[in-house]
Amino acid sequence: MDSLMSNLSLWISSMRLRTLPLSVSGIIVASFLAAYNGYFDLRICILAILTTLSLQILSNLANDYGDGIKGTDNNERIGPERAIQSGKISPEQMFNAIKINILISIGLSFFLIFSAFGVKHFFLTLLFFILGIASVVAAIRYTVGTNAYGYKGLGDVFVFVFFGLISTMGCYVLYAKAMDHVTILPACTIGLLSAAVLNLNNMRDMISDKKSNKITLAVKLGAEKVKMYHIGLVVLAIVISALFGVLYYTLPYNLIFMIAYIPLIIHIFKVNKNEIPQLLDPELKKLALTTVLLSILLGIGHIL
């Protein structure tokens, strides 16, 4: 029993549960916006969350596998020890887990799309099947393969698109069967903050990534410029969300999401003053949870 629990704990750890709340931020915002416009459907909401979580877990496992077999995860890495890096899970076992997760992600995507569109919206069904496949491929190709985009400084772009634009705007379409301009600014806000979380992770691992030839955007920019880039991402997210609050303002309650600016501003100052990469690790969790908080408060404020 102890061995079984230990093995289960190891696999749960490899899924990196602390990354999961951030991944559903776009779903949260889209669901509130859909509810305001009378389109909310609990079944779609649950399936969208499960699908997103499955894709995030797939990305985490693939990241562990890709960095593990390439030797990027080594003793010089600052972040939490990865499964393959520890030797407790073999690359073959991780690869098998990835294949199972791909099937789960595709299955959940199918049920989500069918629940949202049925047989009445052929074009949207086709479009979302393509987006589903693209999401699976993007989750894997971040670190896996010879042309992994995470090793070419493109991770931030993919995170902005998939965690921000597709997650928020796409989820709203699942509810409403149509696009709506109200989703654009929140989608950009979530996308920018999600990119900031990834960038912070890459800032923490800059030294070991550079030695392992993992050329993230942080490695390309260097220690000082990447700070300015990071601060720019967070500040731009604040500005865009504030613009959303102004454009769609009806009552003071709409601006309740600005409470989340307090930890964001504190975060900016901490990153700007940071000289020790290890001290960035606690900021990862804070920034991710603040993004979730912002998405919840932005949604609640909109429907009040």
C-alpha atoms as a PDB file:
ATOM      1  CA  MET A   1       0.000   0.000   0.000  1.00  0.00           C
ATOM      2  CA  ASP A   2       2.813   2.394   0.903  1.00  0.00           C
ATOM      3  CA  SER A   3       4.496   1.669  -2.431  1.00  0.00           C
ATOM      4  CA  LEU A   4       1.235   2.301  -4.306  1.00  0.00           C
ATOM      5  CA  MET A   5       0.655   5.604  -2.501  1.00  0.00           C
ATOM      6  CA  SER A   6       4.244   6.653  -3.098  1.00  0.00           C
ATOM      7  CA  ASN A   7       3.937   5.879  -6.809  1.00  0.00           C
ATOM      8  CA  LEU A   8       0.624   7.742  -7.029  1.00  0.00           C
ATOM      9  CA  SER A   9       2.127  10.721  -5.223  1.00  0.00           C
ATOM     10  CA  LEU A  10       5.018  10.732  -7.685  1.00  0.00           C
ATOM     11  CA  TRP A  11       2.706  10.849 -10.705  1.00  0.00           C
ATOM     12  CA  ILE A  12       0.568  13.560  -9.129  1.00  0.00           C
ATOM     13  CA  SER A  13       3.723  15.556  -8.482  1.00  0.00           C
ATOM     14  CA  SER A  14       4.780  15.136 -12.124  1.00  0.00           C
ATOM     15  CA  MET A  15       1.458  16.694 -13.184  1.00  0.00           C
ATOM     16  CA  ARG A  16       2.558  19.895 -11.376  1.00  0.00           C
ATOM     17  CA  LEU A  17      -0.775  20.706  -9.782  1.00  0.00           C
ATOM     18  CA  ARG A  18       0.269  24.250  -8.918  1.00  0.00           C
ATOM     19  CA  THR A  19       0.131  25.145 -12.627  1.00  0.00           C
ATOM     20  CA  LEU A  20      -3.472  23.998 -13.058  1.00  0.00           C
ATOM     21  CA  PRO A  21      -5.449  26.950 -11.586  1.00  0.00           C
ATOM     22  CA  LEU A  22      -3.801  29.380 -14.023  1.00  0.00           C
ATOM     23  CA  SER A  23      -4.841  27.266 -17.006  1.00  0.00           C
ATOM     24  CA  VAL A  24      -8.568  27.735 -16.286  1.00  0.00           C
ATOM     25  CA  SER A  25      -8.428  31.537 -15.878  1.00  0.00           C
ATOM     26  CA  GLY A  26      -9.695  32.092 -19.419  1.00  0.00           C
ATOM     27  CA  ILE A  27     -12.526  29.615 -18.869  1.00  0.00           C
ATOM     28  CA  ILE A  28     -13.545  31.471 -15.714  1.00  0.00           C
ATOM     29  CA  VAL A  29     -13.730  34.859 -17.442  1.00  0.00           C
ATOM     30  CA  ALA A  30     -15.534  33.477 -20.491  1.00  0.00           C
ATOM     31  CA  SER A  31     -18.090  31.722 -18.280  1.00  0.00           C
ATOM     32  CA  PHE A  32     -18.942  34.910 -16.394  1.00  0.00           C
ATOM     33  CA  LEU A  33     -19.229  36.897 -19.622  1.00  0.00           C
ATOM     34  CA  ALA A  34     -21.460  34.195 -21.097  1.00  0.00           C
ATOM     35  CA  ALA A  35     -23.620  34.201 -17.953  1.00  0.00           C
ATOM     36  CA  TYR A  36     -24.063  37.976 -18.217  1.00  0.00           C
ATOM     37  CA  ASN A  37     -25.324  37.579 -21.778  1.00  0.00           C
ATOM     38  CA  GLY A  38     -27.559  34.600 -20.954  1.00  0.00           C
ATOM     39  CA  TYR A  39     -25.512  31.871 -22.628  1.00  0.00           C
ATOM     40  CA  PHE A  40     -24.009  30.007 -19.665  1.00  0.00           C
ATOM     41  CA  ASP A  41     -24.305  26.206 -19.676  1.00  0.00           C
ATOM     42  CA  LEU A  42     -22.964  24.238 -16.695  1.00  0.00           C
ATOM     43  CA  ARG A  43     -22.244  21.124 -18.749  1.00  0.00           C
ATOM     44  CA  ILE A  44     -20.107  23.103 -21.205  1.00  0.00           C
ATOM     45  CA  CYS A  45     -18.354  24.833 -18.305  1.00  0.00           C
ATOM     46  CA  ILE A  46     -17.423  21.547 -16.608  1.00  0.00           C
ATOM     47  CA  LEU A  47     -16.248  19.936 -19.848  1.00  0.00           C
ATOM     48  CA  ALA A  48     -14.247  23.040 -20.799  1.00  0.00           C
ATOM     49  CA  ILE A  49     -12.487  23.013 -17.426  1.00  0.00           C
ATOM     50  CA  LEU A  50     -11.749  19.275 -17.622  1.00  0.00           C
ATOM     51  CA  THR A  51     -10.449  19.594 -21.191  1.00  0.00           C
ATOM     52  CA  THR A  52      -8.230  22.525 -20.273  1.00  0.00           C
ATOM     53  CA  LEU A  53      -6.856  20.756 -17.208  1.00  0.00           C
ATOM     54  CA  SER A  54      -6.152  17.660 -19.290  1.00  0.00           C
ATOM     55  CA  LEU A  55      -4.251  19.727 -21.856  1.00  0.00           C
ATOM     56  CA  GLN A  56      -2.262  21.466 -19.128  1.00  0.00           C
ATOM     57  CA  ILE A  57      -1.335  18.141 -17.534  1.00  0.00           C
ATOM     58  CA  LEU A  58      -0.343  16.860 -20.987  1.00  0.00           C
ATOM     59  CA  SER A  59       1.872  19.910 -21.436  1.00  0.00           C
ATOM     60  CA  ASN A  60       3.469  19.363 -18.018  1.00  0.00           C
ATOM     61  CA  LEU A  61       4.195  15.686 -18.684  1.00  0.00           C
ATOM     62  CA  ALA A  62       5.552  16.451 -22.155  1.00  0.00           C
ATOM     63  CA  ASN A  63       7.688  19.227 -20.682  1.00  0.00           C
ATOM     64  CA  ASP A  64       9.116  16.799 -18.126  1.00  0.00           C
ATOM     65  CA  TYR A  65       9.788  14.270 -20.889  1.00  0.00           C
ATOM     66  CA  GLY A  66      11.284  16.733 -23.378  1.00  0.00           C
ATOM     67  CA  ASP A  67      13.562  18.496 -20.906  1.00  0.00           C
ATOM     68  CA  GLY A  68      14.422  15.190 -19.235  1.00  0.00           C
ATOM     69  CA  ILE A  69      15.685  13.353 -22.303  1.00  0.00           C
ATOM     70  CA  LYS A  70      17.545  16.445 -23.529  1.00  0.00           C
ATOM     71  CA  GLY A  71      19.342  16.859 -20.226  1.00  0.00           C
ATOM     72  CA  THR A  72      17.907  20.324 -19.621  1.00  0.00           C
ATOM     73  CA  ASP A  73      16.608  19.205 -16.228  1.00  0.00           C
ATOM     74  CA  ASN A  74      19.815  18.702 -14.280  1.00  0.00           C
ATOM     75  CA  ASN A  75      21.298  19.405 -10.863  1.00  0.00           C
ATOM     76  CA  GLU A  76      21.844  23.065 -11.767  1.00  0.00           C
ATOM     77  CA  ARG A  77      18.137  23.658 -12.294  1.00  0.00           C
ATOM     78  CA  ILE A  78      16.613  25.851  -9.573  1.00  0.00           C
ATOM     79  CA  GLY A  79      12.941  24.819  -9.753  1.00  0.00           C
ATOM     80  CA  PRO A  80      11.283  21.733  -8.228  1.00  0.00           C
ATOM     81  CA  GLU A  81      12.855  18.407  -9.194  1.00  0.00           C
ATOM     82  CA  ARG A  82      11.169  16.812 -12.202  1.00  0.00           C
ATOM     83  CA  ALA A  83      10.128  13.162 -12.429  1.00  0.00           C
ATOM     84  CA  ILE A  84      12.585  11.977 -15.105  1.00  0.00           C
ATOM     85  CA  GLN A  85      15.316  14.146 -13.608  1.00  0.00           C
ATOM     86  CA  SER A  86      14.879  12.315 -10.288  1.00  0.00           C
ATOM     87  CA  GLY A  87      15.131   8.909 -11.955  1.00  0.00           C
ATOM     88  CA  LYS A  88      11.941   7.761 -10.242  1.00  0.00           C
ATOM     89  CA  ILE A  89      10.015   7.689 -13.536  1.00  0.00           C
ATOM     90  CA  SER A  90      11.709   6.444 -16.691  1.00  0.00           C
ATOM     91  CA  PRO A  91      11.371   8.198 -20.058  1.00  0.00           C
ATOM     92  CA  GLU A  92       9.454   5.157 -21.354  1.00  0.00           C
ATOM     93  CA  GLN A  93       6.939   5.354 -18.515  1.00  0.00           C
ATOM     94  CA  MET A  94       6.502   9.092 -19.054  1.00  0.00           C
ATOM     95  CA  PHE A  95       6.051   8.594 -22.803  1.00  0.00           C
ATOM     96  CA  ASN A  96       3.314   6.028 -22.147  1.00  0.00           C
ATOM     97  CA  ALA A  97       1.610   8.434 -19.749  1.00  0.00           C
ATOM     98  CA  ILE A  98       1.730  11.120 -22.435  1.00  0.00           C
ATOM     99  CA  LYS A  99       0.043   8.800 -24.951  1.00  0.00           C
ATOM    100  CA  ILE A 100      -2.744   8.027 -22.471  1.00  0.00           C
ATOM    101  CA  ASN A 101      -3.179  11.721 -21.737  1.00  0.00           C
ATOM    102  CA  ILE A 102      -3.428  12.508 -25.448  1.00  0.00           C
ATOM    103  CA  LEU A 103      -6.343  10.077 -25.740  1.00  0.00           C
ATOM    104  CA  ILE A 104      -8.013  11.611 -22.677  1.00  0.00           C
ATOM    105  CA  SER A 105      -7.568  15.146 -24.039  1.00  0.00           C
ATOM    106  CA  ILE A 106      -8.967  14.214 -27.444  1.00  0.00           C
ATOM    107  CA  GLY A 107     -11.905  12.384 -25.856  1.00  0.00           C
ATOM    108  CA  LEU A 108     -12.760  15.333 -23.600  1.00  0.00           C
ATOM    109  CA  SER A 109     -12.423  17.726 -26.538  1.00  0.00           C
ATOM    110  CA  PHE A 110     -14.860  15.604 -28.559  1.00  0.00           C
ATOM    111  CA  PHE A 111     -17.470  15.594 -25.775  1.00  0.00           C
ATOM    112  CA  LEU A 112     -17.009  19.331 -25.217  1.00  0.00           C
ATOM    113  CA  ILE A 113     -17.447  20.194 -28.890  1.00  0.00           C
ATOM    114  CA  PHE A 114     -20.430  17.865 -29.312  1.00  0.00           C
ATOM    115  CA  SER A 115     -22.089  19.256 -26.170  1.00  0.00           C
ATOM    116  CA  ALA A 116     -21.610  22.814 -27.392  1.00  0.00           C
ATOM    117  CA  PHE A 117     -22.513  22.488 -31.068  1.00  0.00           C
ATOM    118  CA  GLY A 118     -24.256  19.155 -31.581  1.00  0.00           C
ATOM    119  CA  VAL A 119     -24.847  18.634 -35.303  1.00  0.00           C
ATOM    120  CA  LYS A 120     -26.227  22.107 -36.010  1.00  0.00           C
ATOM    121  CA  HIS A 121     -23.015  24.116 -36.345  1.00  0.00           C
ATOM    122  CA  PHE A 122     -20.788  22.271 -38.819  1.00  0.00           C
ATOM    123  CA  PHE A 123     -18.286  25.079 -39.405  1.00  0.00           C
ATOM    124  CA  LEU A 124     -17.780  25.748 -35.693  1.00  0.00           C
ATOM    125  CA  THR A 125     -17.506  22.012 -34.997  1.00  0.00           C
ATOM    126  CA  LEU A 126     -14.800  21.676 -37.666  1.00  0.00           C
ATOM    127  CA  LEU A 127     -12.987  24.797 -36.451  1.00  0.00           C
ATOM    128  CA  PHE A 128     -12.914  23.608 -32.844  1.00  0.00           C
ATOM    129  CA  PHE A 129     -11.745  20.128 -33.807  1.00  0.00           C
ATOM    130  CA  ILE A 130      -8.816  21.808 -35.570  1.00  0.00           C
ATOM    131  CA  LEU A 131      -8.176  23.988 -32.510  1.00  0.00           C
ATOM    132  CA  GLY A 132      -8.345  20.897 -30.297  1.00  0.00           C
ATOM    133  CA  ILE A 133      -5.734  19.067 -32.357  1.00  0.00           C
ATOM    134  CA  ALA A 134      -3.596  22.227 -32.462  1.00  0.00           C
ATOM    135  CA  SER A 135      -3.807  22.485 -28.669  1.00  0.00           C
ATOM    136  CA  VAL A 136      -2.637  18.887 -28.239  1.00  0.00           C
ATOM    137  CA  VAL A 137       0.253  19.432 -30.661  1.00  0.00           C
ATOM    138  CA  ALA A 138       1.224  22.720 -28.987  1.00  0.00           C
ATOM    139  CA  ALA A 139       1.179  21.062 -25.543  1.00  0.00           C
ATOM    140  CA  ILE A 140       3.621  18.404 -26.742  1.00  0.00           C
ATOM    141  CA  ARG A 141       5.862  20.436 -29.009  1.00  0.00           C
ATOM    142  CA  TYR A 142       6.877  22.960 -26.359  1.00  0.00           C
ATOM    143  CA  THR A 143       9.893  20.853 -25.392  1.00  0.00           C
ATOM    144  CA  VAL A 144       9.528  17.580 -27.341  1.00  0.00           C
ATOM    145  CA  GLY A 145      11.239  17.093 -30.697  1.00  0.00           C
ATOM    146  CA  THR A 146      14.164  18.643 -32.538  1.00  0.00           C
ATOM    147  CA  ASN A 147      12.165  21.765 -33.408  1.00  0.00           C
ATOM    148  CA  ALA A 148      10.567  22.331 -29.987  1.00  0.00           C
ATOM    149  CA  TYR A 149       9.327  25.927 -29.965  1.00  0.00           C
ATOM    150  CA  GLY A 150      10.149  26.336 -26.260  1.00  0.00           C
ATOM    151  CA  TYR A 151      13.832  26.013 -27.214  1.00  0.00           C
ATOM    152  CA  LYS A 152      13.521  28.817 -29.779  1.00  0.00           C
ATOM    153  CA  GLY A 153      12.102  31.574 -27.600  1.00  0.00           C
ATOM    154  CA  LEU A 154       8.525  31.141 -28.874  1.00  0.00           C
ATOM    155  CA  GLY A 155       6.908  29.810 -25.714  1.00  0.00           C
ATOM    156  CA  ASP A 156       5.563  33.206 -24.690  1.00  0.00           C
ATOM    157  CA  VAL A 157       3.728  33.649 -27.992  1.00  0.00           C
ATOM    158  CA  PHE A 158       2.072  30.236 -27.781  1.00  0.00           C
ATOM    159  CA  VAL A 159       1.038  30.790 -24.157  1.00  0.00           C
ATOM    160  CA  PHE A 160      -0.510  34.164 -25.011  1.00  0.00           C
ATOM    161  CA  VAL A 161      -2.465  32.646 -27.902  1.00  0.00           C
ATOM    162  CA  PHE A 162      -3.625  29.411 -26.252  1.00  0.00           C
ATOM    163  CA  PHE A 163      -4.016  30.486 -22.601  1.00  0.00           C
ATOM    164  CA  GLY A 164      -5.371  33.912 -23.466  1.00  0.00           C
ATOM    165  CA  LEU A 165      -7.064  34.285 -26.840  1.00  0.00           C
ATOM    166  CA  ILE A 166      -8.195  30.722 -27.565  1.00  0.00           C
ATOM    167  CA  SER A 167      -9.042  29.859 -23.951  1.00  0.00           C
ATOM    168  CA  THR A 168     -11.165  32.966 -23.305  1.00  0.00           C
ATOM    169  CA  MET A 169     -12.597  33.852 -26.712  1.00  0.00           C
ATOM    170  CA  GLY A 170     -12.902  30.229 -27.756  1.00  0.00           C
ATOM    171  CA  CYS A 171     -14.731  29.225 -24.595  1.00  0.00           C
ATOM    172  CA  TYR A 172     -17.195  32.088 -25.062  1.00  0.00           C
ATOM    173  CA  VAL A 173     -17.949  30.824 -28.576  1.00  0.00           C
ATOM    174  CA  LEU A 174     -18.675  27.382 -27.099  1.00  0.00           C
ATOM    175  CA  TYR A 175     -21.415  29.027 -25.046  1.00  0.00           C
ATOM    176  CA  ALA A 176     -22.766  31.662 -27.448  1.00  0.00           C
ATOM    177  CA  LYS A 177     -21.979  30.060 -30.840  1.00  0.00           C
ATOM    178  CA  ALA A 178     -20.625  33.455 -31.907  1.00  0.00           C
ATOM    179  CA  MET A 179     -17.768  35.852 -31.186  1.00  0.00           C
ATOM    180  CA  ASP A 180     -18.276  38.936 -29.021  1.00  0.00           C
ATOM    181  CA  HIS A 181     -16.045  42.004 -28.698  1.00  0.00           C
ATOM    182  CA  VAL A 182     -16.520  41.906 -24.910  1.00  0.00           C
ATOM    183  CA  THR A 183     -14.076  38.966 -24.717  1.00  0.00           C
ATOM    184  CA  ILE A 184     -11.122  40.611 -26.500  1.00  0.00           C
ATOM    185  CA  LEU A 185      -9.638  42.714 -23.679  1.00  0.00           C
ATOM    186  CA  PRO A 186     -10.066  40.037 -20.966  1.00  0.00           C
ATOM    187  CA  ALA A 187      -8.498  37.475 -23.311  1.00  0.00           C
ATOM    188  CA  CYS A 188      -5.473  39.722 -23.857  1.00  0.00           C
ATOM    189  CA  THR A 189      -5.196  40.363 -20.105  1.00  0.00           C
ATOM    190  CA  ILE A 190      -5.172  36.651 -19.232  1.00  0.00           C
ATOM    191  CA  GLY A 191      -2.809  35.919 -22.120  1.00  0.00           C
ATOM    192  CA  LEU A 192      -0.302  38.562 -21.019  1.00  0.00           C
ATOM    193  CA  LEU A 193      -0.294  37.418 -17.392  1.00  0.00           C
ATOM    194  CA  SER A 194       0.027  33.764 -18.459  1.00  0.00           C
ATOM    195  CA  ALA A 195       3.009  34.722 -20.631  1.00  0.00           C
ATOM    196  CA  ALA A 196       4.426  36.562 -17.617  1.00  0.00           C
ATOM    197  CA  VAL A 197       4.170  33.364 -15.528  1.00  0.00           C
ATOM    198  CA  LEU A 198       6.088  31.421 -18.172  1.00  0.00           C
ATOM    199  CA  ASN A 199       8.634  34.220 -18.492  1.00  0.00           C
ATOM    200  CA  LEU A 200       9.151  34.265 -14.720  1.00  0.00           C
ATOM    201  CA  ASN A 201       9.775  30.507 -14.827  1.00  0.00           C
ATOM    202  CA  ASN A 202      12.329  31.060 -17.607  1.00  0.00           C
ATOM    203  CA  MET A 203      13.967  33.932 -15.685  1.00  0.00           C
ATOM    204  CA  ARG A 204      14.431  31.596 -12.740  1.00  0.00           C
ATOM    205  CA  ASP A 205      16.037  28.924 -14.946  1.00  0.00           C
ATOM    206  CA  MET A 206      18.070  31.232 -17.224  1.00  0.00           C
ATOM    207  CA  ILE A 207      21.501  30.010 -16.199  1.00  0.00           C
ATOM    208  CA  SER A 208      20.791  26.272 -16.461  1.00  0.00           C
ATOM    209  CA  ASP A 209      18.722  26.744 -19.654  1.00  0.00           C
ATOM    210  CA  LYS A 210      21.555  28.619 -21.342  1.00  0.00           C
ATOM    211  CA  LYS A 211      24.056  25.885 -20.447  1.00  0.00           C
ATOM    212  CA  SER A 212      21.649  23.259 -21.815  1.00  0.00           C
ATOM    213  CA  ASN A 213      21.099  25.247 -25.024  1.00  0.00           C
ATOM    214  CA  LYS A 214      17.426  25.858 -24.222  1.00  0.00           C
ATOM    215  CA  ILE A 215      17.123  29.294 -25.814  1.00  0.00           C
ATOM    216  CA  THR A 216      14.069  30.798 -24.141  1.00  0.00           C
ATOM    217  CA  LEU A 217      13.152  34.437 -24.645  1.00  0.00           C
ATOM    218  CA  ALA A 218      14.659  35.131 -21.215  1.00  0.00           C
ATOM    219  CA  VAL A 219      17.987  33.697 -22.393  1.00  0.00           C
ATOM    220  CA  LYS A 220      17.799  35.761 -25.582  1.00  0.00           C
ATOM    221  CA  LEU A 221      17.070  39.013 -23.781  1.00  0.00           C
ATOM    222  CA  GLY A 222      19.489  38.646 -20.881  1.00  0.00           C
ATOM    223  CA  ALA A 223      19.059  39.396 -17.179  1.00  0.00           C
ATOM    224  CA  GLU A 224      18.281  43.128 -17.347  1.00  0.00           C
ATOM    225  CA  LYS A 225      16.196  43.310 -20.522  1.00  0.00           C
ATOM    226  CA  VAL A 226      14.053  40.335 -19.483  1.00  0.00           C
ATOM    227  CA  LYS A 227      13.120  42.189 -16.294  1.00  0.00           C
ATOM    228  CA  MET A 228      11.850  45.112 -18.356  1.00  0.00           C
ATOM    229  CA  TYR A 229       9.994  42.710 -20.639  1.00  0.00           C
ATOM    230  CA  HIS A 230       8.395  40.995 -17.633  1.00  0.00           C
ATOM    231  CA  ILE A 231       7.345  44.258 -16.052  1.00  0.00           C
ATOM    232  CA  GLY A 232       5.974  45.349 -19.431  1.00  0.00           C
ATOM    233  CA  LEU A 233       3.790  42.234 -19.652  1.00  0.00           C
ATOM    234  CA  VAL A 234       2.281  42.795 -16.199  1.00  0.00           C
ATOM    235  CA  VAL A 235       1.821  46.561 -16.657  1.00  0.00           C
ATOM    236  CA  LEU A 236       0.192  46.076 -20.064  1.00  0.00           C
ATOM    237  CA  ALA A 237      -2.174  43.499 -18.543  1.00  0.00           C
ATOM    238  CA  ILE A 238      -3.128  46.027 -15.862  1.00  0.00           C
ATOM    239  CA  VAL A 239      -3.707  48.758 -18.455  1.00  0.00           C
ATOM    240  CA  ILE A 240      -5.806  46.537 -20.739  1.00  0.00           C
ATOM    241  CA  SER A 241      -7.954  45.217 -17.879  1.00  0.00           C
ATOM    242  CA  ALA A 242      -8.442  48.786 -16.611  1.00  0.00           C
ATOM    243  CA  LEU A 243      -9.512  49.792 -20.119  1.00  0.00           C
ATOM    244  CA  PHE A 244     -12.040  46.960 -20.071  1.00  0.00           C
ATOM    245  CA  GLY A 245     -13.358  48.259 -16.755  1.00  0.00           C
ATOM    246  CA  VAL A 246     -13.780  51.769 -18.169  1.00  0.00           C
ATOM    247  CA  LEU A 247     -15.350  50.744 -21.482  1.00  0.00           C
ATOM    248  CA  TYR A 248     -17.917  48.422 -19.892  1.00  0.00           C
ATOM    249  CA  TYR A 249     -18.479  50.467 -16.731  1.00  0.00           C
ATOM    250  CA  THR A 250     -22.006  50.704 -15.332  1.00  0.00           C
ATOM    251  CA  LEU A 251     -21.489  50.552 -11.543  1.00  0.00           C
ATOM    252  CA  PRO A 252     -18.536  50.915  -9.134  1.00  0.00           C
ATOM    253  CA  TYR A 253     -18.824  47.177  -8.400  1.00  0.00           C
ATOM    254  CA  ASN A 254     -17.586  46.513 -11.950  1.00  0.00           C
ATOM    255  CA  LEU A 255     -14.114  47.624 -10.872  1.00  0.00           C
ATOM    256  CA  ILE A 256     -13.748  45.139  -8.014  1.00  0.00           C
ATOM    257  CA  PHE A 257     -11.084  43.298 -10.039  1.00  0.00           C
ATOM    258  CA  MET A 258      -8.681  46.196  -9.434  1.00  0.00           C
ATOM    259  CA  ILE A 259      -8.073  44.691  -5.989  1.00  0.00           C
ATOM    260  CA  ALA A 260      -5.819  42.223  -7.810  1.00  0.00           C
ATOM    261  CA  TYR A 261      -3.597  45.128  -8.896  1.00  0.00           C
ATOM    262  CA  ILE A 262      -2.168  45.328  -5.368  1.00  0.00           C
ATOM    263  CA  PRO A 263      -0.300  41.959  -5.477  1.00  0.00           C
ATOM    264  CA  LEU A 264       0.598  42.606  -9.138  1.00  0.00           C
ATOM    265  CA  ILE A 265       2.266  45.918  -8.306  1.00  0.00           C
ATOM    266  CA  ILE A 266       4.080  44.362  -5.327  1.00  0.00           C
ATOM    267  CA  HIS A 267       5.221  41.588  -7.680  1.00  0.00           C
ATOM    268  CA  ILE A 268       6.608  44.128 -10.165  1.00  0.00           C
ATOM    269  CA  PHE A 269       8.763  45.766  -7.495  1.00  0.00           C
ATOM    270  CA  LYS A 270      10.059  42.415  -6.235  1.00  0.00           C
ATOM    271  CA  VAL A 271      11.053  41.276  -9.729  1.00  0.00           C
ATOM    272  CA  ASN A 272      12.689  44.621 -10.503  1.00  0.00           C
ATOM    273  CA  LYS A 273      14.858  44.392  -7.366  1.00  0.00           C
ATOM    274  CA  ASN A 274      15.646  40.689  -7.690  1.00  0.00           C
ATOM    275  CA  GLU A 275      19.267  39.629  -8.153  1.00  0.00           C
ATOM    276  CA  ILE A 276      18.946  35.992  -7.016  1.00  0.00           C
ATOM    277  CA  PRO A 277      17.059  33.654  -9.427  1.00  0.00           C
ATOM    278  CA  GLN A 278      16.088  31.256  -6.607  1.00  0.00           C
ATOM    279  CA  LEU A 279      13.959  33.973  -5.010  1.00  0.00           C
ATOM    280  CA  LEU A 280      11.766  34.162  -8.119  1.00  0.00           C
ATOM    281  CA  ASP A 281      10.285  30.717  -7.467  1.00  0.00           C
ATOM    282  CA  PRO A 282       7.781  31.850  -4.774  1.00  0.00           C
ATOM    283  CA  GLU A 283       6.705  34.671  -7.098  1.00  0.00           C
ATOM    284  CA  LEU A 284       5.568  32.095  -9.669  1.00  0.00           C
ATOM    285  CA  LYS A 285       2.789  30.813  -7.429  1.00  0.00           C
ATOM    286  CA  LYS A 286       1.816  34.330  -6.365  1.00  0.00           C
ATOM    287  CA  LEU A 287       1.556  35.590  -9.942  1.00  0.00           C
ATOM    288  CA  ALA A 288      -0.405  32.535 -11.097  1.00  0.00           C
ATOM    289  CA  LEU A 289      -2.897  32.771  -8.228  1.00  0.00           C
ATOM    290  CA  THR A 290      -3.238  36.534  -8.695  1.00  0.00           C
ATOM    291  CA  THR A 291      -4.136  35.906 -12.340  1.00  0.00           C
ATOM    292  CA  VAL A 292      -6.854  33.491 -11.222  1.00  0.00           C
ATOM    293  CA  LEU A 293      -8.071  36.043  -8.660  1.00  0.00           C
ATOM    294  CA  LEU A 294      -8.182  38.762 -11.312  1.00  0.00           C
ATOM    295  CA  SER A 295     -10.190  36.527 -13.658  1.00  0.00           C
ATOM    296  CA  ILE A 296     -12.730  35.705 -10.924  1.00  0.00           C
ATOM    297  CA  LEU A 297     -13.128  39.302  -9.759  1.00  0.00           C
ATOM    298  CA  LEU A 298     -13.300  40.629 -13.313  1.00  0.00           C
ATOM    299  CA  GLY A 299     -16.100  38.166 -14.069  1.00  0.00           C
ATOM    300  CA  ILE A 300     -17.982  38.837 -10.844  1.00  0.00           C
ATOM    301  CA  GLY A 301     -17.664  42.584 -11.321  1.00  0.00           C
ATOM    302  CA  HIS A 302     -19.066  42.351 -14.830  1.00  0.00           C
ATOM    303  CA  ILE A 303     -22.255  40.552 -13.795  1.00  0.00           C
ATOM    304  CA  LEU A 304     -22.966  42.688 -10.704  1.00  0.00           C
END
